[in-house]
Amino acid sequence: ADSVKGRFTISRDKARNTMYLQMNSLKPEDTA
C-alpha cells in the first residue's frame, strides 16, 4: 500500500510456511 511503502517490508520463509512484516518508522495512523 502507498501508505507503508519505504517503511514496511514483507518477507516469507517458504520452508517454514511463515510470513513476516517488518514495520519501521511507525506512525499513530498505523494503529489497527
PDB file of all heavy atoms in Angstrom:
ATOM      1  N   ALA A   1       0.852  -1.181   0.000  1.00  0.00           N
ATOM      2  CA  ALA A   1       0.000   0.000   0.000  1.00  0.00           C
ATOM      3  C   ALA A   1       0.892   1.237   0.000  1.00  0.00           C
ATOM      4  O   ALA A   1       1.987   1.235   0.587  1.00  0.00           O
ATOM      5  CB  ALA A   1      -0.886   0.011   1.244  1.00  0.00           C
ATOM      6  N   ASP A   2       0.436   2.292  -0.662  1.00  0.00           N
ATOM      7  CA  ASP A   2       1.238   3.507  -0.741  1.00  0.00           C
ATOM      8  C   ASP A   2       1.587   4.049   0.646  1.00  0.00           C
ATOM      9  O   ASP A   2       2.670   4.599   0.858  1.00  0.00           O
ATOM     10  CB  ASP A   2       0.490   4.581  -1.532  1.00  0.00           C
ATOM     11  CG  ASP A   2       0.434   4.273  -3.018  1.00  0.00           C
ATOM     12  OD1 ASP A   2       1.241   3.441  -3.489  1.00  0.00           O
ATOM     13  OD2 ASP A   2      -0.407   4.865  -3.717  1.00  0.00           O
ATOM     14  N   SER A   3       0.695   3.865   1.585  1.00  0.00           N
ATOM     15  CA  SER A   3       0.889   4.437   2.918  1.00  0.00           C
ATOM     16  C   SER A   3       2.028   3.797   3.697  1.00  0.00           C
ATOM     17  O   SER A   3       2.485   4.361   4.695  1.00  0.00           O
ATOM     18  CB  SER A   3      -0.406   4.336   3.724  1.00  0.00           C
ATOM     19  OG  SER A   3      -0.807   2.978   3.847  1.00  0.00           O
ATOM     20  N   VAL A   4       2.475   2.628   3.265  1.00  0.00           N
ATOM     21  CA  VAL A   4       3.526   1.936   4.018  1.00  0.00           C
ATOM     22  C   VAL A   4       4.811   1.745   3.209  1.00  0.00           C
ATOM     23  O   VAL A   4       5.799   1.235   3.743  1.00  0.00           O
ATOM     24  CB  VAL A   4       3.036   0.570   4.553  1.00  0.00           C
ATOM     25  CG1 VAL A   4       1.755   0.725   5.356  1.00  0.00           C
ATOM     26  CG2 VAL A   4       2.855  -0.441   3.428  1.00  0.00           C
ATOM     27  N   LYS A   5       4.795   2.137   1.963  1.00  0.00           N
ATOM     28  CA  LYS A   5       5.986   1.965   1.127  1.00  0.00           C
ATOM     29  C   LYS A   5       7.179   2.685   1.740  1.00  0.00           C
ATOM     30  O   LYS A   5       7.080   3.822   2.184  1.00  0.00           O
ATOM     31  CB  LYS A   5       5.721   2.501  -0.280  1.00  0.00           C
ATOM     32  CG  LYS A   5       4.895   1.586  -1.160  1.00  0.00           C
ATOM     33  CD  LYS A   5       4.696   2.176  -2.553  1.00  0.00           C
ATOM     34  CE  LYS A   5       3.848   1.255  -3.410  1.00  0.00           C
ATOM     35  NZ  LYS A   5       3.567   1.849  -4.739  1.00  0.00           N
ATOM     36  N   GLY A   6       8.294   1.978   1.759  1.00  0.00           N
ATOM     37  CA  GLY A   6       9.508   2.559   2.329  1.00  0.00           C
ATOM     38  C   GLY A   6       9.629   2.385   3.833  1.00  0.00           C
ATOM     39  O   GLY A   6      10.701   2.636   4.399  1.00  0.00           O
ATOM     40  N   ARG A   7       8.563   1.958   4.488  1.00  0.00           N
ATOM     41  CA  ARG A   7       8.592   1.770   5.940  1.00  0.00           C
ATOM     42  C   ARG A   7       8.399   0.304   6.339  1.00  0.00           C
ATOM     43  O   ARG A   7       8.980  -0.157   7.320  1.00  0.00           O
ATOM     44  CB  ARG A   7       7.495   2.599   6.609  1.00  0.00           C
ATOM     45  CG  ARG A   7       7.624   4.090   6.370  1.00  0.00           C
ATOM     46  CD  ARG A   7       6.635   4.885   7.222  1.00  0.00           C
ATOM     47  NE  ARG A   7       5.246   4.570   6.912  1.00  0.00           N
ATOM     48  CZ  ARG A   7       4.369   4.123   7.805  1.00  0.00           C
ATOM     49  NH1 ARG A   7       4.723   3.921   9.059  1.00  0.00           N
ATOM     50  NH2 ARG A   7       3.112   3.888   7.442  1.00  0.00           N
ATOM     51  N   PHE A   8       7.559  -0.404   5.596  1.00  0.00           N
ATOM     52  CA  PHE A   8       7.260  -1.802   5.906  1.00  0.00           C
ATOM     53  C   PHE A   8       7.920  -2.709   4.882  1.00  0.00           C
ATOM     54  O   PHE A   8       8.028  -2.361   3.701  1.00  0.00           O
ATOM     55  CB  PHE A   8       5.754  -2.054   5.880  1.00  0.00           C
ATOM     56  CG  PHE A   8       4.962  -1.396   6.980  1.00  0.00           C
ATOM     57  CD1 PHE A   8       5.529  -0.467   7.842  1.00  0.00           C
ATOM     58  CD2 PHE A   8       3.627  -1.716   7.152  1.00  0.00           C
ATOM     59  CE1 PHE A   8       4.802   0.135   8.846  1.00  0.00           C
ATOM     60  CE2 PHE A   8       2.873  -1.121   8.160  1.00  0.00           C
ATOM     61  CZ  PHE A   8       3.461  -0.194   9.003  1.00  0.00           C
ATOM     62  N   THR A   9       8.293  -3.902   5.325  1.00  0.00           N
ATOM     63  CA  THR A   9       8.867  -4.898   4.430  1.00  0.00           C
ATOM     64  C   THR A   9       8.229  -6.251   4.710  1.00  0.00           C
ATOM     65  O   THR A   9       8.242  -6.723   5.854  1.00  0.00           O
ATOM     66  CB  THR A   9      10.386  -5.017   4.615  1.00  0.00           C
ATOM     67  OG1 THR A   9      10.997  -3.744   4.391  1.00  0.00           O
ATOM     68  CG2 THR A   9      10.963  -6.029   3.633  1.00  0.00           C
ATOM     69  N   ILE A  10       7.676  -6.843   3.677  1.00  0.00           N
ATOM     70  CA  ILE A  10       7.086  -8.170   3.795  1.00  0.00           C
ATOM     71  C   ILE A  10       8.096  -9.196   3.295  1.00  0.00           C
ATOM     72  O   ILE A  10       8.830  -8.942   2.336  1.00  0.00           O
ATOM     73  CB  ILE A  10       5.754  -8.264   3.009  1.00  0.00           C
ATOM     74  CG1 ILE A  10       5.024  -9.566   3.312  1.00  0.00           C
ATOM     75  CG2 ILE A  10       5.971  -8.090   1.516  1.00  0.00           C
ATOM     76  CD1 ILE A  10       3.606  -9.616   2.740  1.00  0.00           C
ATOM     77  N   SER A  11       8.128 -10.341   3.958  1.00  0.00           N
ATOM     78  CA  SER A  11       9.024 -11.417   3.536  1.00  0.00           C
ATOM     79  C   SER A  11       8.394 -12.746   3.920  1.00  0.00           C
ATOM     80  O   SER A  11       7.403 -12.784   4.656  1.00  0.00           O
ATOM     81  CB  SER A  11      10.404 -11.272   4.182  1.00  0.00           C
ATOM     82  OG  SER A  11      10.304 -11.337   5.600  1.00  0.00           O
ATOM     83  N   ARG A  12       8.977 -13.831   3.399  1.00  0.00           N
ATOM     84  CA  ARG A  12       8.453 -15.136   3.750  1.00  0.00           C
ATOM     85  C   ARG A  12       9.576 -16.153   3.807  1.00  0.00           C
ATOM     86  O   ARG A  12      10.610 -15.999   3.162  1.00  0.00           O
ATOM     87  CB  ARG A  12       7.360 -15.604   2.759  1.00  0.00           C
ATOM     88  CG  ARG A  12       7.859 -16.335   1.502  1.00  0.00           C
ATOM     89  CD  ARG A  12       8.296 -15.373   0.451  1.00  0.00           C
ATOM     90  NE  ARG A  12       8.606 -16.014  -0.810  1.00  0.00           N
ATOM     91  CZ  ARG A  12       9.806 -16.039  -1.342  1.00  0.00           C
ATOM     92  NH1 ARG A  12      10.819 -15.488  -0.722  1.00  0.00           N
ATOM     93  NH2 ARG A  12      10.010 -16.619  -2.503  1.00  0.00           N
ATOM     94  N   ASP A  13       9.334 -17.184   4.603  1.00  0.00           N
ATOM     95  CA  ASP A  13      10.231 -18.325   4.704  1.00  0.00           C
ATOM     96  C   ASP A  13       9.442 -19.522   4.172  1.00  0.00           C
ATOM     97  O   ASP A  13       8.558 -20.044   4.854  1.00  0.00           O
ATOM     98  CB  ASP A  13      10.644 -18.532   6.166  1.00  0.00           C
ATOM     99  CG  ASP A  13      11.637 -19.661   6.345  1.00  0.00           C
ATOM    100  OD1 ASP A  13      11.601 -20.622   5.544  1.00  0.00           O
ATOM    101  OD2 ASP A  13      12.425 -19.610   7.294  1.00  0.00           O
ATOM    102  N   LYS A  14       9.760 -19.910   2.952  1.00  0.00           N
ATOM    103  CA  LYS A  14       8.954 -20.957   2.316  1.00  0.00           C
ATOM    104  C   LYS A  14       9.039 -22.272   3.075  1.00  0.00           C
ATOM    105  O   LYS A  14       8.051 -22.987   3.212  1.00  0.00           O
ATOM    106  CB  LYS A  14       9.410 -21.153   0.862  1.00  0.00           C
ATOM    107  CG  LYS A  14       9.059 -19.974  -0.038  1.00  0.00           C
ATOM    108  CD  LYS A  14       9.147 -20.349  -1.510  1.00  0.00           C
ATOM    109  CE  LYS A  14      10.541 -20.629  -1.958  1.00  0.00           C
ATOM    110  NZ  LYS A  14      10.615 -20.905  -3.407  1.00  0.00           N
ATOM    111  N   ALA A  15      10.215 -22.590   3.556  1.00  0.00           N
ATOM    112  CA  ALA A  15      10.405 -23.874   4.235  1.00  0.00           C
ATOM    113  C   ALA A  15       9.571 -23.973   5.507  1.00  0.00           C
ATOM    114  O   ALA A  15       9.102 -25.046   5.871  1.00  0.00           O
ATOM    115  CB  ALA A  15      11.881 -24.080   4.552  1.00  0.00           C
ATOM    116  N   ARG A  16       9.377 -22.836   6.157  1.00  0.00           N
ATOM    117  CA  ARG A  16       8.618 -22.824   7.413  1.00  0.00           C
ATOM    118  C   ARG A  16       7.185 -22.355   7.235  1.00  0.00           C
ATOM    119  O   ARG A  16       6.450 -22.250   8.213  1.00  0.00           O
ATOM    120  CB  ARG A  16       9.324 -21.922   8.429  1.00  0.00           C
ATOM    121  CG  ARG A  16      10.716 -22.392   8.781  1.00  0.00           C
ATOM    122  CD  ARG A  16      11.354 -21.534   9.857  1.00  0.00           C
ATOM    123  NE  ARG A  16      12.684 -22.017  10.219  1.00  0.00           N
ATOM    124  CZ  ARG A  16      13.437 -21.529  11.182  1.00  0.00           C
ATOM    125  NH1 ARG A  16      12.998 -20.519  11.906  1.00  0.00           N
ATOM    126  NH2 ARG A  16      14.625 -22.030  11.431  1.00  0.00           N
ATOM    127  N   ASN A  17       6.801 -22.055   5.999  1.00  0.00           N
ATOM    128  CA  ASN A  17       5.440 -21.544   5.735  1.00  0.00           C
ATOM    129  C   ASN A  17       5.113 -20.383   6.672  1.00  0.00           C
ATOM    130  O   ASN A  17       4.021 -20.337   7.267  1.00  0.00           O
ATOM    131  CB  ASN A  17       4.406 -22.663   5.885  1.00  0.00           C
ATOM    132  CG  ASN A  17       4.401 -23.600   4.702  1.00  0.00           C
ATOM    133  OD1 ASN A  17       4.375 -23.162   3.548  1.00  0.00           O
ATOM    134  ND2 ASN A  17       4.449 -24.882   4.970  1.00  0.00           N
ATOM    135  N   THR A  18       6.048 -19.491   6.799  1.00  0.00           N
ATOM    136  CA  THR A  18       5.894 -18.349   7.698  1.00  0.00           C
ATOM    137  C   THR A  18       6.123 -17.056   6.919  1.00  0.00           C
ATOM    138  O   THR A  18       6.991 -16.987   6.054  1.00  0.00           O
ATOM    139  CB  THR A  18       6.884 -18.441   8.864  1.00  0.00           C
ATOM    140  OG1 THR A  18       6.638 -19.653   9.589  1.00  0.00           O
ATOM    141  CG2 THR A  18       6.720 -17.272   9.819  1.00  0.00           C
ATOM    142  N   MET A  19       5.326 -16.078   7.250  1.00  0.00           N
ATOM    143  CA  MET A  19       5.408 -14.768   6.610  1.00  0.00           C
ATOM    144  C   MET A  19       5.689 -13.725   7.677  1.00  0.00           C
ATOM    145  O   MET A  19       5.250 -13.891   8.832  1.00  0.00           O
ATOM    146  CB  MET A  19       4.082 -14.469   5.914  1.00  0.00           C
ATOM    147  CG  MET A  19       3.947 -13.089   5.330  1.00  0.00           C
ATOM    148  SD  MET A  19       2.384 -12.880   4.441  1.00  0.00           S
ATOM    149  CE  MET A  19       1.188 -13.144   5.734  1.00  0.00           C
ATOM    150  N   TYR A  20       6.399 -12.679   7.302  1.00  0.00           N
ATOM    151  CA  TYR A  20       6.773 -11.639   8.246  1.00  0.00           C
ATOM    152  C   TYR A  20       6.395 -10.261   7.718  1.00  0.00           C
ATOM    153  O   TYR A  20       6.300 -10.055   6.508  1.00  0.00           O
ATOM    154  CB  TYR A  20       8.288 -11.672   8.509  1.00  0.00           C
ATOM    155  CG  TYR A  20       8.796 -13.017   8.945  1.00  0.00           C
ATOM    156  CD1 TYR A  20       9.335 -13.910   8.023  1.00  0.00           C
ATOM    157  CD2 TYR A  20       8.729 -13.405  10.279  1.00  0.00           C
ATOM    158  CE1 TYR A  20       9.799 -15.151   8.416  1.00  0.00           C
ATOM    159  CE2 TYR A  20       9.194 -14.652  10.685  1.00  0.00           C
ATOM    160  CZ  TYR A  20       9.726 -15.517   9.746  1.00  0.00           C
ATOM    161  OH  TYR A  20      10.174 -16.751  10.144  1.00  0.00           O
ATOM    162  N   LEU A  21       6.218  -9.335   8.627  1.00  0.00           N
ATOM    163  CA  LEU A  21       6.040  -7.939   8.256  1.00  0.00           C
ATOM    164  C   LEU A  21       6.904  -7.108   9.194  1.00  0.00           C
ATOM    165  O   LEU A  21       6.594  -6.983  10.377  1.00  0.00           O
ATOM    166  CB  LEU A  21       4.571  -7.506   8.356  1.00  0.00           C
ATOM    167  CG  LEU A  21       4.294  -6.097   7.845  1.00  0.00           C
ATOM    168  CD1 LEU A  21       4.501  -6.017   6.326  1.00  0.00           C
ATOM    169  CD2 LEU A  21       2.874  -5.648   8.202  1.00  0.00           C
ATOM    170  N   GLN A  22       7.990  -6.586   8.663  1.00  0.00           N
ATOM    171  CA  GLN A  22       8.840  -5.685   9.422  1.00  0.00           C
ATOM    172  C   GLN A  22       8.303  -4.280   9.265  1.00  0.00           C
ATOM    173  O   GLN A  22       8.207  -3.771   8.151  1.00  0.00           O
ATOM    174  CB  GLN A  22      10.288  -5.763   8.926  1.00  0.00           C
ATOM    175  CG  GLN A  22      11.238  -4.817   9.642  1.00  0.00           C
ATOM    176  CD  GLN A  22      11.428  -5.172  11.100  1.00  0.00           C
ATOM    177  OE1 GLN A  22      11.587  -6.342  11.442  1.00  0.00           O
ATOM    178  NE2 GLN A  22      11.428  -4.165  11.968  1.00  0.00           N
ATOM    179  N   MET A  23       7.946  -3.659  10.378  1.00  0.00           N
ATOM    180  CA  MET A  23       7.336  -2.333  10.346  1.00  0.00           C
ATOM    181  C   MET A  23       8.263  -1.353  11.054  1.00  0.00           C
ATOM    182  O   MET A  23       8.503  -1.486  12.257  1.00  0.00           O
ATOM    183  CB  MET A  23       5.966  -2.369  11.038  1.00  0.00           C
ATOM    184  CG  MET A  23       5.023  -3.406  10.457  1.00  0.00           C
ATOM    185  SD  MET A  23       3.364  -3.344  11.165  1.00  0.00           S
ATOM    186  CE  MET A  23       3.707  -3.835  12.844  1.00  0.00           C
ATOM    187  N   ASN A  24       8.765  -0.398  10.302  1.00  0.00           N
ATOM    188  CA  ASN A  24       9.661   0.627  10.833  1.00  0.00           C
ATOM    189  C   ASN A  24       9.004   2.000  10.730  1.00  0.00           C
ATOM    190  O   ASN A  24       8.043   2.186   9.989  1.00  0.00           O
ATOM    191  CB  ASN A  24      10.980   0.630  10.074  1.00  0.00           C
ATOM    192  CG  ASN A  24      11.737  -0.684  10.184  1.00  0.00           C
ATOM    193  OD1 ASN A  24      11.680  -1.375  11.204  1.00  0.00           O
ATOM    194  ND2 ASN A  24      12.464  -1.032   9.133  1.00  0.00           N
ATOM    195  N   SER A  25       9.547   2.942  11.456  1.00  0.00           N
ATOM    196  CA  SER A  25       9.043   4.317  11.428  1.00  0.00           C
ATOM    197  C   SER A  25       7.532   4.348  11.610  1.00  0.00           C
ATOM    198  O   SER A  25       6.804   5.017  10.851  1.00  0.00           O
ATOM    199  CB  SER A  25       9.439   5.002  10.107  1.00  0.00           C
ATOM    200  OG  SER A  25      10.830   5.010   9.939  1.00  0.00           O
ATOM    201  N   LEU A  26       7.069   3.630  12.589  1.00  0.00           N
ATOM    202  CA  LEU A  26       5.619   3.514  12.804  1.00  0.00           C
ATOM    203  C   LEU A  26       4.997   4.851  13.170  1.00  0.00           C
ATOM    204  O   LEU A  26       5.611   5.683  13.854  1.00  0.00           O
ATOM    205  CB  LEU A  26       5.338   2.478  13.886  1.00  0.00           C
ATOM    206  CG  LEU A  26       5.451   1.018  13.403  1.00  0.00           C
ATOM    207  CD1 LEU A  26       5.627   0.068  14.572  1.00  0.00           C
ATOM    208  CD2 LEU A  26       4.224   0.644  12.582  1.00  0.00           C
ATOM    209  N   LYS A  27       3.769   5.025  12.716  1.00  0.00           N
ATOM    210  CA  LYS A  27       3.004   6.245  12.947  1.00  0.00           C
ATOM    211  C   LYS A  27       1.721   5.899  13.692  1.00  0.00           C
ATOM    212  O   LYS A  27       1.234   4.771  13.589  1.00  0.00           O
ATOM    213  CB  LYS A  27       2.653   6.902  11.610  1.00  0.00           C
ATOM    214  CG  LYS A  27       3.833   7.194  10.707  1.00  0.00           C
ATOM    215  CD  LYS A  27       3.367   7.736   9.365  1.00  0.00           C
ATOM    216  CE  LYS A  27       4.527   8.020   8.439  1.00  0.00           C
ATOM    217  NZ  LYS A  27       4.075   8.544   7.120  1.00  0.00           N
ATOM    218  N   PRO A  28       1.142   6.865  14.402  1.00  0.00           N
ATOM    219  CA  PRO A  28      -0.132   6.587  15.086  1.00  0.00           C
ATOM    220  C   PRO A  28      -1.211   6.063  14.139  1.00  0.00           C
ATOM    221  O   PRO A  28      -2.030   5.226  14.533  1.00  0.00           O
ATOM    222  CB  PRO A  28      -0.504   7.947  15.675  1.00  0.00           C
ATOM    223  CG  PRO A  28       0.802   8.604  15.920  1.00  0.00           C
ATOM    224  CD  PRO A  28       1.673   8.182  14.761  1.00  0.00           C
ATOM    225  N   GLU A  29      -1.192   6.507  12.902  1.00  0.00           N
ATOM    226  CA  GLU A  29      -2.199   6.043  11.950  1.00  0.00           C
ATOM    227  C   GLU A  29      -1.983   4.597  11.508  1.00  0.00           C
ATOM    228  O   GLU A  29      -2.816   4.047  10.791  1.00  0.00           O
ATOM    229  CB  GLU A  29      -2.245   6.962  10.719  1.00  0.00           C
ATOM    230  CG  GLU A  29      -0.912   7.233  10.063  1.00  0.00           C
ATOM    231  CD  GLU A  29      -0.280   8.539  10.536  1.00  0.00           C
ATOM    232  OE1 GLU A  29      -0.302   8.827  11.761  1.00  0.00           O
ATOM    233  OE2 GLU A  29       0.240   9.266   9.658  1.00  0.00           O
ATOM    234  N   ASP A  30      -0.899   3.989  11.925  1.00  0.00           N
ATOM    235  CA  ASP A  30      -0.703   2.563  11.664  1.00  0.00           C
ATOM    236  C   ASP A  30      -1.426   1.691  12.697  1.00  0.00           C
ATOM    237  O   ASP A  30      -1.455   0.466  12.565  1.00  0.00           O
ATOM    238  CB  ASP A  30       0.789   2.207  11.681  1.00  0.00           C
ATOM    239  CG  ASP A  30       1.560   2.849  10.552  1.00  0.00           C
ATOM    240  OD1 ASP A  30       1.058   2.867   9.418  1.00  0.00           O
ATOM    241  OD2 ASP A  30       2.686   3.347  10.811  1.00  0.00           O
ATOM    242  N   THR A  31      -1.989   2.313  13.711  1.00  0.00           N
ATOM    243  CA  THR A  31      -2.707   1.579  14.744  1.00  0.00           C
ATOM    244  C   THR A  31      -3.900   0.836  14.136  1.00  0.00           C
ATOM    245  O   THR A  31      -4.736   1.434  13.459  1.00  0.00           O
ATOM    246  CB  THR A  31      -3.200   2.534  15.843  1.00  0.00           C
ATOM    247  OG1 THR A  31      -2.057   3.099  16.510  1.00  0.00           O
ATOM    248  CG2 THR A  31      -4.079   1.803  16.859  1.00  0.00           C
ATOM    249  N   ALA A  32      -3.947  -0.457  14.363  1.00  0.00           N
ATOM    250  CA  ALA A  32      -5.002  -1.302  13.793  1.00  0.00           C
ATOM    251  C   ALA A  32      -4.800  -2.736  14.263  1.00  0.00           C
ATOM    252  O   ALA A  32      -3.773  -3.068  14.871  1.00  0.00           O
ATOM    253  CB  ALA A  32      -4.951  -1.262  12.268  1.00  0.00           C
TER     254      ALA A  32
END
